Amino acid sequence: MSSTDVVAMISRCLGEVLRINPPPLTEDTMLPGDTGLDSLSTLELLMAVEEASGIRFDPDTIDENHFQTVGELTDYLTGATR
């Protein structure tokens, strides 16, 4: 999956979590700051991304602070598929 595809998937998942039309995102978009996510909805986003991508986050080591930007989340997901 390319970075562009991952960003588009994150956008779709974000739209589902926030119940809005998917917003345009860039890799610099701050997930908690620019999108309206709070800590609970950030975790909901990660769960939606898990379902959409088939990639599982380890609940014992996952830290939403590692995913402050769309780019950080994209890097994680593209790295997990290699």
N, C-alpha and C. Protein backbone atom coordinates (compact mmCIF):
# COMPACT_ATOMS: atom_id res chain seq x y z
N MET A 1 0.86 -1.18 0.00
CA MET A 1 0.00 0.00 0.00
C MET A 1 0.90 1.24 0.00
N SER A 2 0.64 2.16 -0.90
CA SER A 2 1.45 3.37 -1.00
C SER A 2 1.07 4.36 0.10
N SER A 3 1.93 5.32 0.34
CA SER A 3 1.65 6.36 1.34
C SER A 3 0.37 7.12 1.00
N THR A 4 0.16 7.39 -0.28
CA THR A 4 -1.05 8.09 -0.71
C THR A 4 -2.30 7.28 -0.38
N ASP A 5 -2.22 5.97 -0.62
CA ASP A 5 -3.36 5.09 -0.29
C ASP A 5 -3.62 5.06 1.21
N VAL A 6 -2.55 5.04 2.00
CA VAL A 6 -2.69 5.00 3.46
C VAL A 6 -3.32 6.30 3.96
N VAL A 7 -2.87 7.43 3.45
CA VAL A 7 -3.45 8.72 3.87
C VAL A 7 -4.93 8.77 3.51
N ALA A 8 -5.29 8.27 2.34
CA ALA A 8 -6.71 8.24 1.94
C ALA A 8 -7.51 7.33 2.88
N MET A 9 -6.95 6.19 3.26
CA MET A 9 -7.63 5.29 4.19
C MET A 9 -7.81 5.96 5.56
N ILE A 10 -6.77 6.63 6.03
CA ILE A 10 -6.86 7.33 7.32
C ILE A 10 -7.95 8.39 7.25
N SER A 11 -8.02 9.11 6.13
CA SER A 11 -9.05 10.13 5.96
C SER A 11 -10.45 9.51 6.03
N ARG A 12 -10.65 8.38 5.35
CA ARG A 12 -11.95 7.70 5.40
C ARG A 12 -12.29 7.26 6.82
N CYS A 13 -11.30 6.69 7.51
CA CYS A 13 -11.52 6.24 8.89
C CYS A 13 -11.83 7.43 9.80
N LEU A 14 -11.13 8.52 9.60
CA LEU A 14 -11.38 9.72 10.40
C LEU A 14 -12.80 10.22 10.18
N GLY A 15 -13.25 10.21 8.94
CA GLY A 15 -14.62 10.61 8.65
C GLY A 15 -15.63 9.73 9.35
N GLU A 16 -15.36 8.41 9.41
CA GLU A 16 -16.25 7.48 10.10
C GLU A 16 -16.29 7.77 11.60
N VAL A 17 -15.12 7.97 12.19
CA VAL A 17 -15.03 8.19 13.64
C VAL A 17 -15.71 9.49 14.04
N LEU A 18 -15.48 10.54 13.27
CA LEU A 18 -16.03 11.85 13.61
C LEU A 18 -17.42 12.08 13.02
N ARG A 19 -17.86 11.12 12.19
CA ARG A 19 -19.17 11.19 11.54
C ARG A 19 -19.32 12.47 10.70
N ILE A 20 -18.28 12.68 9.88
CA ILE A 20 -18.26 13.83 8.97
C ILE A 20 -17.78 13.33 7.61
N ASN A 21 -17.90 14.18 6.59
CA ASN A 21 -17.28 13.84 5.31
C ASN A 21 -15.78 13.77 5.53
N PRO A 22 -15.12 12.79 4.92
CA PRO A 22 -13.68 12.67 5.14
C PRO A 22 -12.95 13.96 4.79
N PRO A 23 -12.15 14.46 5.71
CA PRO A 23 -11.43 15.71 5.46
C PRO A 23 -10.18 15.47 4.62
N PRO A 24 -9.74 16.48 3.88
CA PRO A 24 -8.47 16.34 3.17
C PRO A 24 -7.33 16.35 4.20
N LEU A 25 -6.42 15.41 4.06
CA LEU A 25 -5.31 15.31 5.00
C LEU A 25 -4.00 15.36 4.25
N THR A 26 -2.97 15.82 4.92
CA THR A 26 -1.60 15.70 4.43
C THR A 26 -0.82 14.97 5.50
N GLU A 27 0.39 14.60 5.20
CA GLU A 27 1.20 13.90 6.18
C GLU A 27 1.55 14.82 7.36
N ASP A 28 1.44 16.13 7.19
CA ASP A 28 1.73 17.08 8.27
C ASP A 28 0.52 17.38 9.15
N THR A 29 -0.65 16.88 8.78
CA THR A 29 -1.85 17.14 9.57
C THR A 29 -1.69 16.55 10.96
N MET A 30 -1.89 17.41 11.96
CA MET A 30 -1.82 16.97 13.36
C MET A 30 -3.13 16.26 13.70
N LEU A 31 -3.03 15.00 14.10
CA LEU A 31 -4.26 14.25 14.38
C LEU A 31 -5.06 14.84 15.52
N PRO A 32 -4.45 15.07 16.69
CA PRO A 32 -5.29 15.64 17.76
C PRO A 32 -5.62 17.12 17.53
N GLY A 33 -4.72 17.88 16.94
CA GLY A 33 -4.92 19.32 16.85
C GLY A 33 -5.72 19.80 15.67
N ASP A 34 -5.42 19.27 14.48
CA ASP A 34 -6.04 19.77 13.25
C ASP A 34 -7.35 19.08 12.89
N THR A 35 -7.64 17.97 13.52
CA THR A 35 -8.78 17.15 13.09
C THR A 35 -9.95 17.15 14.05
N GLY A 36 -9.76 17.65 15.26
CA GLY A 36 -10.83 17.62 16.24
C GLY A 36 -10.86 16.36 17.07
N LEU A 37 -9.86 15.49 16.92
CA LEU A 37 -9.79 14.27 17.72
C LEU A 37 -9.38 14.59 19.15
N ASP A 38 -10.00 13.90 20.10
CA ASP A 38 -9.50 13.93 21.47
C ASP A 38 -8.86 12.57 21.74
N SER A 39 -8.44 12.30 22.96
CA SER A 39 -7.72 11.05 23.22
C SER A 39 -8.60 9.82 22.97
N LEU A 40 -9.87 9.90 23.31
CA LEU A 40 -10.76 8.76 23.08
C LEU A 40 -11.01 8.55 21.59
N SER A 41 -11.29 9.61 20.87
CA SER A 41 -11.55 9.44 19.44
C SER A 41 -10.28 9.09 18.67
N THR A 42 -9.11 9.43 19.20
CA THR A 42 -7.86 8.99 18.58
C THR A 42 -7.76 7.47 18.67
N LEU A 43 -8.12 6.92 19.81
CA LEU A 43 -8.11 5.46 19.94
C LEU A 43 -9.16 4.82 19.03
N GLU A 44 -10.30 5.46 18.89
CA GLU A 44 -11.32 4.97 17.97
C GLU A 44 -10.79 4.99 16.54
N LEU A 45 -10.04 6.02 16.19
CA LEU A 45 -9.44 6.09 14.86
C LEU A 45 -8.48 4.93 14.66
N LEU A 46 -7.65 4.65 15.65
CA LEU A 46 -6.70 3.54 15.52
C LEU A 46 -7.44 2.22 15.34
N MET A 47 -8.55 2.04 16.04
CA MET A 47 -9.35 0.82 15.88
C MET A 47 -9.94 0.74 14.48
N ALA A 48 -10.41 1.86 13.95
CA ALA A 48 -10.97 1.89 12.59
C ALA A 48 -9.88 1.60 11.56
N VAL A 49 -8.69 2.13 11.79
CA VAL A 49 -7.56 1.88 10.89
C VAL A 49 -7.19 0.40 10.93
N GLU A 50 -7.20 -0.20 12.12
CA GLU A 50 -6.95 -1.63 12.24
C GLU A 50 -7.91 -2.43 11.36
N GLU A 51 -9.18 -2.11 11.48
CA GLU A 51 -10.18 -2.84 10.72
C GLU A 51 -10.02 -2.62 9.22
N ALA A 52 -9.73 -1.41 8.81
CA ALA A 52 -9.60 -1.10 7.38
C ALA A 52 -8.33 -1.69 6.77
N SER A 53 -7.27 -1.76 7.55
CA SER A 53 -5.98 -2.18 7.00
C SER A 53 -5.64 -3.63 7.28
N GLY A 54 -6.26 -4.20 8.31
CA GLY A 54 -5.89 -5.56 8.70
C GLY A 54 -4.63 -5.60 9.54
N ILE A 55 -4.03 -4.46 9.81
CA ILE A 55 -2.83 -4.37 10.64
C ILE A 55 -3.27 -4.19 12.08
N ARG A 56 -2.71 -4.96 12.98
CA ARG A 56 -3.08 -4.91 14.38
C ARG A 56 -2.04 -4.14 15.18
N PHE A 57 -2.53 -3.23 16.01
CA PHE A 57 -1.67 -2.51 16.94
C PHE A 57 -1.57 -3.35 18.21
N ASP A 58 -0.40 -3.42 18.80
CA ASP A 58 -0.21 -4.16 20.05
C ASP A 58 -0.75 -3.30 21.19
N PRO A 59 -1.84 -3.73 21.84
CA PRO A 59 -2.46 -2.91 22.89
C PRO A 59 -1.55 -2.67 24.09
N ASP A 60 -0.55 -3.53 24.27
CA ASP A 60 0.36 -3.36 25.40
C ASP A 60 1.42 -2.30 25.14
N THR A 61 1.69 -2.03 23.88
CA THR A 61 2.76 -1.07 23.57
C THR A 61 2.26 0.15 22.80
N ILE A 62 1.01 0.13 22.37
CA ILE A 62 0.49 1.26 21.59
C ILE A 62 0.43 2.52 22.44
N ASP A 63 0.85 3.59 21.87
CA ASP A 63 0.81 4.88 22.54
C ASP A 63 0.36 5.91 21.52
N GLU A 64 -0.82 6.47 21.74
CA GLU A 64 -1.36 7.42 20.76
C GLU A 64 -0.43 8.61 20.55
N ASN A 65 0.49 8.86 21.49
CA ASN A 65 1.44 9.96 21.33
C ASN A 65 2.45 9.69 20.22
N HIS A 66 2.56 8.43 19.78
CA HIS A 66 3.45 8.10 18.67
C HIS A 66 2.81 8.45 17.33
N PHE A 67 1.55 8.82 17.35
CA PHE A 67 0.81 9.11 16.13
C PHE A 67 0.24 10.52 16.19
N GLN A 68 1.10 11.50 16.37
CA GLN A 68 0.65 12.88 16.45
C GLN A 68 0.28 13.45 15.09
N THR A 69 0.91 12.92 14.03
CA THR A 69 0.60 13.41 12.68
C THR A 69 0.15 12.25 11.80
N VAL A 70 -0.50 12.61 10.72
CA VAL A 70 -0.90 11.60 9.74
C VAL A 70 0.34 10.91 9.18
N GLY A 71 1.42 11.65 9.01
CA GLY A 71 2.67 11.07 8.50
C GLY A 71 3.24 10.02 9.42
N GLU A 72 3.20 10.25 10.72
CA GLU A 72 3.70 9.26 11.68
C GLU A 72 2.87 7.98 11.62
N LEU A 73 1.57 8.14 11.54
CA LEU A 73 0.69 6.97 11.45
C LEU A 73 0.91 6.26 10.11
N THR A 74 1.08 7.01 9.05
CA THR A 74 1.33 6.43 7.73
C THR A 74 2.64 5.65 7.73
N ASP A 75 3.69 6.22 8.31
CA ASP A 75 4.98 5.53 8.38
C ASP A 75 4.86 4.23 9.14
N TYR A 76 4.13 4.25 10.24
CA TYR A 76 3.92 3.03 11.02
C TYR A 76 3.23 1.96 10.19
N LEU A 77 2.16 2.37 9.51
CA LEU A 77 1.37 1.40 8.74
C LEU A 77 2.14 0.88 7.53
N THR A 78 2.86 1.74 6.84
CA THR A 78 3.61 1.25 5.68
C THR A 78 4.78 0.38 6.13
N GLY A 79 5.35 0.68 7.30
CA GLY A 79 6.41 -0.16 7.84
C GLY A 79 5.91 -1.52 8.29
N ALA A 80 4.67 -1.56 8.75
CA ALA A 80 4.09 -2.83 9.24
C ALA A 80 3.75 -3.76 8.09
N THR A 81 3.62 -3.23 6.88
CA THR A 81 3.24 -4.08 5.75
C THR A 81 4.46 -4.58 4.98
N ARG A 82 5.64 -4.19 5.40
CA ARG A 82 6.86 -4.65 4.70
C ARG A 82 7.28 -5.99 5.19
